[in-house]
Amino acid sequence: MTKKGDNMRVKVILVCEECLSRNYTTTKNPTKATERIELKKFCPTCNKYTIHKETK
């Protein structure tokens, strides 16, 4: 059984700002978060913590 708002979430891909590798996927609610997501996560290609942004 799913909750009422769970089916509205969309899957997004996060891209590293420095090396442009696509490392992570996550979900977001497009009705509440209308802007693109920016998270500071570890990039295994760069081997350091960088900002990851949501792709189009």
Protein backbone atom coordinates (compact mmCIF):
# COMPACT_ATOMS: atom_id res chain seq x y z
CA MET A 1 0.00 0.00 0.00
CA THR A 2 1.38 3.40 -0.94
CA LYS A 3 0.78 6.76 0.61
CA LYS A 4 -1.27 9.36 -1.20
CA GLY A 5 1.63 11.59 -2.37
CA ASP A 6 4.24 8.92 -3.22
CA ASN A 7 3.30 8.54 -6.87
CA MET A 8 4.02 12.22 -7.57
CA ARG A 9 7.76 11.92 -6.97
CA VAL A 10 10.02 11.96 -10.03
CA LYS A 11 13.47 10.45 -10.43
CA VAL A 12 16.30 12.92 -11.09
CA ILE A 13 19.96 12.40 -11.97
CA LEU A 14 22.72 14.36 -10.23
CA VAL A 15 25.81 15.49 -12.17
CA CYS A 16 29.16 16.56 -10.73
CA GLU A 17 29.99 20.23 -11.37
CA GLU A 18 33.70 19.62 -11.95
CA CYS A 19 34.02 16.42 -13.98
CA LEU A 20 30.39 16.24 -15.29
CA SER A 21 30.04 12.56 -14.38
CA ARG A 22 26.59 11.28 -13.52
CA ASN A 23 27.06 9.67 -10.13
CA TYR A 24 23.78 9.74 -8.20
CA THR A 25 20.03 9.39 -8.64
CA THR A 26 17.40 10.64 -6.24
CA THR A 27 13.73 11.57 -6.19
CA LYS A 28 11.98 14.87 -5.66
CA ASN A 29 8.45 16.18 -5.41
CA PRO A 30 8.01 18.58 -8.36
CA THR A 31 5.07 20.39 -6.80
CA LYS A 32 7.06 21.46 -3.72
CA ALA A 33 10.59 21.73 -5.17
CA THR A 34 10.21 23.63 -8.43
CA GLU A 35 13.89 24.64 -8.70
CA ARG A 36 16.77 22.32 -9.47
CA ILE A 37 18.40 20.39 -6.65
CA GLU A 38 21.99 21.14 -5.60
CA LEU A 39 23.65 18.79 -3.13
CA LYS A 40 27.22 18.49 -1.89
CA LYS A 41 28.15 14.84 -2.36
CA PHE A 42 31.27 12.72 -2.82
CA CYS A 43 32.40 12.24 -6.42
CA PRO A 44 34.37 9.01 -6.87
CA THR A 45 35.85 10.27 -10.16
CA CYS A 46 37.21 13.51 -8.64
CA ASN A 47 37.87 11.75 -5.32
CA LYS A 48 36.52 14.70 -3.31
CA TYR A 49 33.30 16.36 -2.19
CA THR A 50 31.78 18.56 -4.90
CA ILE A 51 28.43 20.16 -5.72
CA HIS A 52 26.12 17.91 -7.71
CA LYS A 53 23.27 19.48 -9.67
CA GLU A 54 20.10 18.05 -11.14
CA THR A 55 20.16 17.45 -14.91
CA LYS A 56 17.46 18.42 -17.37
